[in-house]
Amino acid sequence: MEAFQKVCVLGLGYIGLPTASLLATKGFDVLGVDIRQDVVNKINSGEIHIVEPGLDVLVRSAVNSGNLKAALKPEEANVFILAVPTPFDIDKKPDLSYIRSATEAVAKVVKNNDLVILESTSPVRTTEFVNDHLRSCRPDLERIHVAHCPERVIPGRVLQELVENDRVIGGIDDAATKKAAEFYSHFVAGKILTTNAKTAEMCKLTENSFRDVNIAFANELSLICDKLDINVWKLIELANHHPRVNILQPGPGVGGHCIAVDPWFIVASCPEHSKLIHTARCVNDGKPNWIIEKVKEKSKSFTKPTIACFGAAFKPDIDDLRESPALIIAYAIAGEELGEVIVCEPHVESIEGLENTNIDDALERADIVLLLVAHKEFKEIPKNKFIDKYTIDATGILSGNNKL
């Protein structure tokens, strides 16, 4: 562990902050870096800026131990972890600007034999880009170990899965792979699976694309079942009794910074060979529009209806709004000026440009109800509360078959 004692984590978001805090509580000397001064100040005060079960206690413990500090710029370390965003642009092409900036920041302080790990979910060959860019910035260095180890955690269980999940690690060369594997062995209880950098990158994209294709199948079934007057939730429940069938659940679309984004990285790299993946993305991206059209049609029955959107997060029981189809739907309906649009999202205090209210108020005022996220709070609402409402259930809550 001595060879990895000082760790610098760039990006203190949903992956970087839990990772930095975990490492600090395991005895590593950790510097967390973020470009936002308010985030740095909060963390240095032992507070958090994101919601994740147990993270507040972990950060407070890490800061109080003296092992975790936050700053705006990286400093010398033995290990550098890049956990910055990798969004796509308006044309669905990967935007590597955050990775480029983080790499250039590391280049100013990296030393011979340091380990640089890219944890950000990335297009194939991004690790090579980090390696080449570091070397172009620092031609004076003889060896830098560069590897990719994609995160594989789910919001709501990040702290457990950082430790328990198997990790796939691929280096630019065998020496980098071996060194990165040794580092993760100090705090990961799951299996350490080694490969090369390109395969590690493609592995994470494949995992999320698999789920995206499966969800697209479920979402397409939901459209078909709506036309044929079949309960899609019951249908999937029955079909999944087959020993070799495991259909996921339909919803209002697909959100988050993984499943809604990663398949586009594969499409961008090999568009001529990724027709199924591309189609699945289009099906899932199109599901919000299907719901919006239903609302537009029903709103004609009212003079000026109140439309209540239950949920704005991209999945149940979290506060993460990234790429959320529920939020896309709420903003789109508000833009259509069909009536008054209110949102009920219990996991955030406010939503820009929209009124965020509580469950009772939303139910009392609503003419049209959209069940967009299967939060546990919504599952506990008595079914008779929806009897006199026109309700579009994109979650299966009213069917009693929701497995999300």
Protein backbone atom coordinates (compact mmCIF):
# COMPACT_ATOMS: atom_id res chain seq x y z
CA MET A 1 0.00 0.00 0.00
CA GLU A 2 2.94 2.33 0.59
CA ALA A 3 3.51 2.64 -3.18
CA PHE A 4 -0.01 4.03 -3.51
CA GLN A 5 -0.22 6.10 -0.32
CA LYS A 6 -1.06 9.45 -1.89
CA VAL A 7 -4.12 9.46 -4.13
CA CYS A 8 -5.59 12.35 -6.11
CA VAL A 9 -9.18 12.00 -7.34
CA LEU A 10 -10.25 14.44 -10.06
CA GLY A 11 -14.01 15.01 -10.13
CA LEU A 12 -16.04 14.90 -6.91
CA GLY A 13 -19.42 13.85 -8.26
CA TYR A 14 -21.47 10.68 -7.84
CA ILE A 15 -18.40 8.44 -8.36
CA GLY A 16 -15.42 10.58 -7.42
CA LEU A 17 -16.60 11.69 -3.97
CA PRO A 18 -17.60 8.20 -2.72
CA THR A 19 -14.34 6.80 -4.11
CA ALA A 20 -12.20 9.51 -2.50
CA SER A 21 -14.01 9.12 0.84
CA LEU A 22 -13.73 5.33 0.81
CA LEU A 23 -10.01 5.46 0.08
CA ALA A 24 -9.49 8.00 2.88
CA THR A 25 -11.23 5.76 5.41
CA LYS A 26 -9.02 2.87 4.24
CA GLY A 27 -5.92 4.84 5.25
CA PHE A 28 -4.92 6.47 1.97
CA ASP A 29 -3.93 10.15 1.94
CA VAL A 30 -6.49 11.55 -0.50
CA LEU A 31 -6.85 14.89 -2.24
CA GLY A 32 -10.16 15.39 -4.02
CA VAL A 33 -10.19 17.90 -6.86
CA ASP A 34 -13.18 19.71 -8.31
CA ILE A 35 -13.56 22.81 -10.45
CA ARG A 36 -16.41 24.15 -8.26
CA GLN A 37 -15.35 26.21 -5.25
CA ASP A 38 -18.63 25.59 -3.41
CA VAL A 39 -18.11 21.81 -3.68
CA VAL A 40 -14.54 22.10 -2.37
CA ASN A 41 -15.71 24.24 0.56
CA LYS A 42 -18.52 21.86 1.47
CA ILE A 43 -16.31 18.78 1.47
CA ASN A 44 -13.59 20.47 3.52
CA SER A 45 -16.35 21.25 6.04
CA GLY A 46 -17.29 17.57 6.17
CA GLU A 47 -20.51 18.11 4.20
CA ILE A 48 -21.81 16.66 0.92
CA HIS A 49 -23.44 18.18 -2.17
CA ILE A 50 -25.06 15.00 -3.50
CA VAL A 51 -27.44 12.48 -1.97
CA GLU A 52 -26.27 8.89 -1.49
CA PRO A 53 -27.12 6.66 1.49
CA GLY A 54 -24.32 6.71 4.05
CA LEU A 55 -22.14 9.15 2.11
CA ASP A 56 -22.59 11.99 4.61
CA VAL A 57 -21.21 9.83 7.43
CA LEU A 58 -18.34 8.53 5.28
CA VAL A 59 -17.27 12.00 4.12
CA ARG A 60 -17.46 13.44 7.62
CA SER A 61 -15.35 10.56 8.95
CA ALA A 62 -12.83 10.87 6.13
CA VAL A 63 -12.41 14.64 6.59
CA ASN A 64 -12.22 14.40 10.38
CA SER A 65 -9.49 11.76 10.10
CA GLY A 66 -7.38 14.21 8.15
CA ASN A 67 -7.06 11.77 5.24
CA LEU A 68 -9.43 13.62 2.90
CA LYS A 69 -9.00 17.18 1.69
CA ALA A 70 -10.48 18.97 -1.30
CA ALA A 71 -8.90 21.54 -3.62
CA LEU A 72 -9.33 23.18 -7.01
CA LYS A 73 -6.07 21.83 -8.44
CA PRO A 74 -4.25 18.48 -8.18
CA GLU A 75 -1.01 18.03 -6.29
CA GLU A 76 1.75 15.43 -6.43
CA ALA A 77 0.50 11.91 -5.69
CA ASN A 78 1.25 8.26 -6.42
CA VAL A 79 -2.14 7.55 -7.97
CA PHE A 80 -4.41 9.83 -10.01
CA ILE A 81 -8.02 8.80 -10.60
CA LEU A 82 -10.00 10.60 -13.31
CA ALA A 83 -13.71 10.51 -12.45
CA VAL A 84 -14.97 13.38 -14.58
CA PRO A 85 -18.08 13.52 -16.79
CA THR A 86 -18.14 12.10 -20.32
CA PRO A 87 -21.27 13.54 -21.94
CA PHE A 88 -22.21 13.55 -25.61
CA ASP A 89 -22.81 16.57 -27.81
CA ILE A 90 -25.92 17.57 -29.76
CA ASP A 91 -25.02 15.04 -32.49
CA LYS A 92 -24.65 12.20 -29.95
CA LYS A 93 -20.86 12.23 -30.35
CA PRO A 94 -18.63 11.77 -27.28
CA ASP A 95 -17.43 14.96 -25.59
CA LEU A 96 -13.99 14.29 -24.12
CA SER A 97 -13.29 17.88 -23.08
CA TYR A 98 -13.50 17.08 -19.35
CA ILE A 99 -11.08 14.18 -19.72
CA ARG A 100 -8.70 16.35 -21.74
CA SER A 101 -8.77 19.08 -19.07
CA ALA A 102 -8.26 16.57 -16.25
CA THR A 103 -5.37 14.95 -18.11
CA GLU A 104 -3.69 18.32 -18.62
CA ALA A 105 -4.11 19.14 -14.93
CA VAL A 106 -2.49 15.82 -13.96
CA ALA A 107 0.33 16.39 -16.44
CA LYS A 108 1.51 19.36 -14.39
CA VAL A 109 2.23 17.27 -11.29
CA VAL A 110 2.65 13.63 -12.44
CA LYS A 111 6.01 11.89 -11.80
CA ASN A 112 7.84 8.87 -13.16
CA ASN A 113 6.14 5.54 -12.27
CA ASP A 114 2.92 7.21 -11.09
CA LEU A 115 -0.36 5.41 -11.81
CA VAL A 116 -3.08 7.27 -13.74
CA ILE A 117 -6.48 5.56 -13.79
CA LEU A 118 -9.39 6.60 -15.98
CA GLU A 119 -12.63 5.60 -14.20
CA SER A 120 -14.92 7.71 -16.37
CA THR A 121 -17.06 5.64 -18.73
CA SER A 122 -15.41 6.32 -22.07
CA PRO A 123 -15.39 5.48 -25.77
CA VAL A 124 -12.91 2.84 -26.87
CA ARG A 125 -9.36 4.21 -27.14
CA THR A 126 -9.92 7.04 -24.64
CA THR A 127 -7.34 5.49 -22.29
CA GLU A 128 -4.88 5.59 -25.18
CA PHE A 129 -5.75 9.26 -25.63
CA VAL A 130 -5.01 9.95 -21.95
CA ASN A 131 -1.71 8.10 -22.22
CA ASP A 132 -0.65 9.86 -25.43
CA HIS A 133 -1.73 13.28 -24.18
CA LEU A 134 0.17 12.86 -20.91
CA ARG A 135 3.29 11.92 -22.82
CA SER A 136 2.95 14.86 -25.19
CA CYS A 137 2.59 17.20 -22.21
CA ARG A 138 5.45 15.56 -20.30
CA PRO A 139 8.05 14.20 -22.74
CA ASP A 140 10.61 14.38 -19.91
CA LEU A 141 9.05 11.39 -18.10
CA GLU A 142 10.27 7.88 -18.92
CA ARG A 143 7.26 5.90 -17.67
CA ILE A 144 3.70 6.65 -16.58
CA HIS A 145 1.34 3.75 -15.88
CA VAL A 146 -2.07 4.45 -17.45
CA ALA A 147 -5.08 2.14 -17.05
CA HIS A 148 -8.86 2.05 -17.29
CA CYS A 149 -11.12 0.75 -14.53
CA PRO A 150 -14.75 1.69 -15.23
CA GLU A 151 -17.08 2.18 -12.30
CA ARG A 152 -19.92 -0.37 -12.12
CA VAL A 153 -22.10 0.96 -9.30
CA ILE A 154 -25.77 1.85 -9.04
CA PRO A 155 -27.06 5.00 -7.31
CA GLY A 156 -28.42 4.14 -3.90
CA ARG A 157 -25.85 1.36 -3.37
CA VAL A 158 -22.64 3.11 -4.39
CA LEU A 159 -20.74 2.64 -1.13
CA GLN A 160 -21.44 -1.10 -0.95
CA GLU A 161 -20.79 -1.77 -4.61
CA LEU A 162 -17.50 0.16 -4.73
CA VAL A 163 -16.19 -2.54 -2.42
CA GLU A 164 -18.26 -5.63 -3.31
CA ASN A 165 -18.46 -5.50 -7.11
CA ASP A 166 -15.97 -7.19 -9.40
CA ARG A 167 -13.74 -4.71 -11.21
CA VAL A 168 -12.51 -4.91 -14.80
CA ILE A 169 -9.05 -3.37 -15.22
CA GLY A 170 -7.18 -2.81 -18.47
CA GLY A 171 -3.88 -1.05 -18.82
CA ILE A 172 -2.07 0.45 -21.77
CA ASP A 173 0.44 -2.34 -21.24
CA ASP A 174 0.88 -5.32 -18.92
CA ALA A 175 2.85 -3.31 -16.37
CA ALA A 176 0.07 -0.72 -16.07
CA THR A 177 -2.58 -3.45 -15.77
CA LYS A 178 -0.63 -5.19 -13.02
CA LYS A 179 0.00 -1.98 -11.08
CA ALA A 180 -3.65 -0.87 -11.27
CA ALA A 181 -4.85 -4.33 -10.21
CA GLU A 182 -2.56 -4.21 -7.20
CA PHE A 183 -3.94 -0.80 -6.21
CA TYR A 184 -7.59 -1.91 -6.35
CA SER A 185 -6.81 -5.08 -4.41
CA HIS A 186 -6.27 -2.92 -1.31
CA PHE A 187 -9.95 -1.92 -1.06
CA VAL A 188 -12.05 -4.06 -3.44
CA ALA A 189 -13.50 -7.29 -2.08
CA GLY A 190 -14.87 -8.40 -5.46
CA LYS A 191 -12.82 -10.12 -8.12
CA ILE A 192 -10.13 -8.18 -9.97
CA LEU A 193 -10.51 -9.07 -13.65
CA THR A 194 -7.63 -7.96 -15.86
CA THR A 195 -7.57 -7.32 -19.60
CA ASN A 196 -6.34 -4.59 -21.93
CA ALA A 197 -7.57 -0.98 -21.97
CA LYS A 198 -9.75 -1.24 -25.09
CA THR A 199 -11.54 -4.33 -23.81
CA ALA A 200 -12.13 -2.74 -20.39
CA GLU A 201 -13.63 0.31 -22.09
CA MET A 202 -15.85 -1.80 -24.34
CA CYS A 203 -16.91 -3.98 -21.40
CA LYS A 204 -18.59 -1.10 -19.58
CA LEU A 205 -20.27 0.12 -22.76
CA THR A 206 -21.46 -3.43 -23.47
CA GLU A 207 -22.97 -3.87 -20.00
CA ASN A 208 -25.07 -0.73 -20.30
CA SER A 209 -25.99 -1.34 -23.94
CA PHE A 210 -27.27 -4.80 -23.01
CA ARG A 211 -29.61 -3.25 -20.47
CA ASP A 212 -30.63 -0.52 -22.89
CA VAL A 213 -31.60 -3.05 -25.56
CA ASN A 214 -33.57 -5.09 -23.02
CA ILE A 215 -35.40 -2.00 -21.74
CA ALA A 216 -36.13 -0.96 -25.34
CA PHE A 217 -37.77 -4.36 -25.89
CA ALA A 218 -39.90 -3.79 -22.78
CA ASN A 219 -40.76 -0.24 -23.86
CA GLU A 220 -41.74 -1.44 -27.32
CA LEU A 221 -43.93 -4.11 -25.72
CA SER A 222 -45.63 -1.39 -23.67
CA LEU A 223 -46.57 0.49 -26.86
CA ILE A 224 -47.91 -2.68 -28.48
CA CYS A 225 -49.84 -3.68 -25.36
CA ASP A 226 -51.39 -0.22 -25.11
CA LYS A 227 -52.77 -0.66 -28.63
CA LEU A 228 -54.02 -4.20 -27.90
CA ASP A 229 -55.44 -3.37 -24.44
CA ILE A 230 -53.10 -5.77 -22.62
CA ASN A 231 -51.55 -5.14 -19.20
CA VAL A 232 -47.85 -5.06 -20.11
CA TRP A 233 -46.78 -5.46 -16.48
CA LYS A 234 -48.74 -8.67 -16.08
CA LEU A 235 -47.55 -9.86 -19.48
CA ILE A 236 -43.88 -9.43 -18.54
CA GLU A 237 -44.45 -11.05 -15.16
CA LEU A 238 -45.92 -14.12 -16.86
CA ALA A 239 -43.25 -14.25 -19.59
CA ASN A 240 -40.47 -14.07 -17.01
CA HIS A 241 -41.67 -17.37 -15.52
CA HIS A 242 -39.97 -18.99 -18.51
CA PRO A 243 -36.58 -20.25 -17.21
CA ARG A 244 -34.62 -18.52 -19.98
CA VAL A 245 -36.54 -15.24 -20.21
CA ASN A 246 -35.74 -12.14 -18.15
CA ILE A 247 -37.46 -9.08 -19.59
CA LEU A 248 -36.74 -5.83 -17.77
CA GLN A 249 -39.42 -3.28 -16.93
CA PRO A 250 -40.77 -0.58 -19.25
CA GLY A 251 -40.85 3.04 -18.14
CA PRO A 252 -41.08 6.62 -19.42
CA GLY A 253 -37.72 6.24 -21.17
CA VAL A 254 -34.17 5.70 -19.96
CA GLY A 255 -32.13 8.22 -17.98
CA GLY A 256 -28.96 8.63 -15.99
CA HIS A 257 -25.41 9.16 -17.15
CA CYS A 258 -24.82 5.50 -18.07
CA ILE A 259 -27.53 3.59 -19.91
CA ALA A 260 -28.85 6.69 -21.68
CA VAL A 261 -25.37 7.75 -22.81
CA ASP A 262 -22.95 4.83 -23.16
CA PRO A 263 -24.60 3.07 -26.15
CA TRP A 264 -24.07 6.22 -28.21
CA PHE A 265 -20.30 5.77 -27.70
CA ILE A 266 -20.51 2.39 -29.44
CA VAL A 267 -22.71 3.80 -32.20
CA ALA A 268 -20.27 6.67 -32.78
CA SER A 269 -17.31 4.28 -33.08
CA CYS A 270 -18.96 1.73 -35.43
CA PRO A 271 -22.21 3.15 -36.85
CA GLU A 272 -22.40 0.64 -39.70
CA HIS A 273 -22.32 -2.34 -37.32
CA SER A 274 -24.40 -1.08 -34.38
CA LYS A 275 -27.88 -1.00 -35.90
CA LEU A 276 -29.60 -2.87 -33.05
CA ILE A 277 -27.95 -0.71 -30.38
CA HIS A 278 -28.87 2.44 -32.32
CA THR A 279 -32.49 1.33 -32.74
CA ALA A 280 -32.78 0.55 -29.02
CA ARG A 281 -31.55 4.04 -28.19
CA CYS A 282 -34.14 5.55 -30.54
CA VAL A 283 -36.93 3.47 -28.98
CA ASN A 284 -36.01 4.55 -25.47
CA ASP A 285 -35.42 8.17 -26.42
CA GLY A 286 -38.81 8.16 -28.15
CA LYS A 287 -40.83 6.88 -25.18
CA PRO A 288 -41.17 10.34 -23.55
CA ASN A 289 -42.71 11.66 -26.78
CA TRP A 290 -45.32 8.88 -26.70
CA ILE A 291 -46.34 9.94 -23.18
CA ILE A 292 -46.35 13.62 -24.15
CA GLU A 293 -48.68 12.90 -27.07
CA LYS A 294 -51.06 11.04 -24.74
CA VAL A 295 -51.16 14.04 -22.41
CA LYS A 296 -51.76 16.44 -25.29
CA GLU A 297 -54.68 14.35 -26.51
CA LYS A 298 -56.28 14.00 -23.07
CA SER A 299 -55.81 17.67 -22.19
CA LYS A 300 -58.33 18.53 -24.91
CA SER A 301 -61.04 17.23 -22.54
CA PHE A 302 -60.25 20.04 -20.07
CA THR A 303 -60.34 23.81 -20.30
CA LYS A 304 -57.06 24.31 -18.46
CA PRO A 305 -56.04 21.11 -16.65
CA THR A 306 -53.56 20.79 -13.84
CA ILE A 307 -51.05 18.12 -14.84
CA ALA A 308 -49.12 16.54 -11.97
CA CYS A 309 -45.87 14.76 -12.80
CA PHE A 310 -45.00 12.29 -10.05
CA GLY A 311 -41.23 11.96 -10.15
CA ALA A 312 -38.38 13.84 -11.81
CA ALA A 313 -35.34 11.68 -10.98
CA PHE A 314 -34.07 9.23 -13.59
CA LYS A 315 -34.82 6.20 -11.38
CA PRO A 316 -36.60 5.37 -8.11
CA ASP A 317 -35.53 6.60 -4.68
CA ILE A 318 -32.63 8.86 -5.69
CA ASP A 319 -32.16 12.59 -6.32
CA ASP A 320 -30.24 12.29 -9.59
CA LEU A 321 -31.91 14.22 -12.44
CA ARG A 322 -29.29 13.53 -15.14
CA GLU A 323 -30.81 12.62 -18.51
CA SER A 324 -34.12 11.97 -16.71
CA PRO A 325 -37.00 11.15 -19.08
CA ALA A 326 -39.45 12.22 -16.35
CA LEU A 327 -37.94 15.69 -16.33
CA ILE A 328 -37.89 15.81 -20.12
CA ILE A 329 -41.62 15.03 -20.09
CA ALA A 330 -42.41 17.65 -17.44
CA TYR A 331 -40.54 20.42 -19.26
CA ALA A 332 -42.01 19.47 -22.62
CA ILE A 333 -45.58 19.52 -21.32
CA ALA A 334 -44.96 22.87 -19.63
CA GLY A 335 -43.63 24.19 -22.93
CA GLU A 336 -46.79 23.09 -24.74
CA GLU A 337 -48.84 25.32 -22.38
CA LEU A 338 -51.55 22.68 -22.09
CA GLY A 339 -52.39 23.78 -18.57
CA GLU A 340 -50.71 24.15 -15.19
CA VAL A 341 -47.80 21.73 -14.73
CA ILE A 342 -46.68 20.74 -11.23
CA VAL A 343 -44.08 18.22 -10.16
CA CYS A 344 -43.93 16.02 -7.09
CA GLU A 345 -40.32 14.94 -6.54
CA PRO A 346 -39.70 14.17 -2.85
CA HIS A 347 -35.94 13.68 -3.27
CA VAL A 348 -35.04 17.23 -4.31
CA GLU A 349 -35.96 20.58 -2.81
CA SER A 350 -36.58 22.47 -6.03
CA ILE A 351 -36.63 22.04 -9.81
CA GLU A 352 -35.67 24.98 -11.99
CA GLY A 353 -38.64 26.46 -13.81
CA LEU A 354 -41.22 24.11 -12.30
CA GLU A 355 -43.27 24.02 -9.11
CA ASN A 356 -42.23 21.10 -6.91
CA THR A 357 -44.94 20.22 -4.41
CA ASN A 358 -45.85 17.40 -2.01
CA ILE A 359 -47.95 14.30 -2.68
CA ASP A 360 -51.16 15.47 -1.02
CA ASP A 361 -51.13 18.84 -2.74
CA ALA A 362 -50.38 17.28 -6.14
CA LEU A 363 -53.23 14.78 -5.80
CA GLU A 364 -55.68 17.42 -4.64
CA ARG A 365 -54.96 19.79 -7.53
CA ALA A 366 -54.37 17.35 -10.39
CA ASP A 367 -56.76 16.62 -13.23
CA ILE A 368 -54.16 14.54 -15.07
CA VAL A 369 -51.62 12.44 -13.18
CA LEU A 370 -48.40 11.09 -14.70
CA LEU A 371 -46.69 8.36 -12.67
CA LEU A 372 -43.17 8.70 -14.05
CA VAL A 373 -40.88 7.34 -11.32
CA ALA A 374 -41.60 4.42 -8.99
CA HIS A 375 -40.47 6.10 -5.79
CA LYS A 376 -41.42 4.13 -2.68
CA GLU A 377 -43.45 7.13 -1.50
CA PHE A 378 -45.66 6.83 -4.58
CA LYS A 379 -46.12 3.08 -4.18
CA GLU A 380 -47.63 3.75 -0.75
CA ILE A 381 -50.37 6.04 -2.10
CA PRO A 382 -53.77 4.31 -1.77
CA LYS A 383 -55.00 3.31 -5.22
CA ASN A 384 -58.39 4.97 -4.64
CA LYS A 385 -56.64 8.37 -4.69
CA PHE A 386 -56.35 7.99 -8.46
CA ILE A 387 -59.95 6.96 -9.19
CA ASP A 388 -61.19 10.40 -10.25
CA LYS A 389 -57.96 11.31 -12.10
CA TYR A 390 -56.92 10.59 -15.65
CA THR A 391 -53.72 8.69 -14.92
CA ILE A 392 -50.89 7.63 -17.19
CA ASP A 393 -48.87 5.03 -15.31
CA ALA A 394 -45.44 4.62 -16.93
CA THR A 395 -44.11 2.71 -13.93
CA GLY A 396 -46.49 -0.16 -13.17
CA ILE A 397 -47.32 1.22 -9.72
CA LEU A 398 -51.09 0.91 -10.23
CA SER A 399 -50.73 -2.56 -11.74
CA GLY A 400 -48.91 -3.82 -8.67
CA ASN A 401 -46.29 -5.47 -10.89
CA ASN A 402 -43.49 -2.92 -10.68
CA LYS A 403 -40.10 -4.52 -10.05
CA LEU A 404 -37.89 -1.44 -10.39
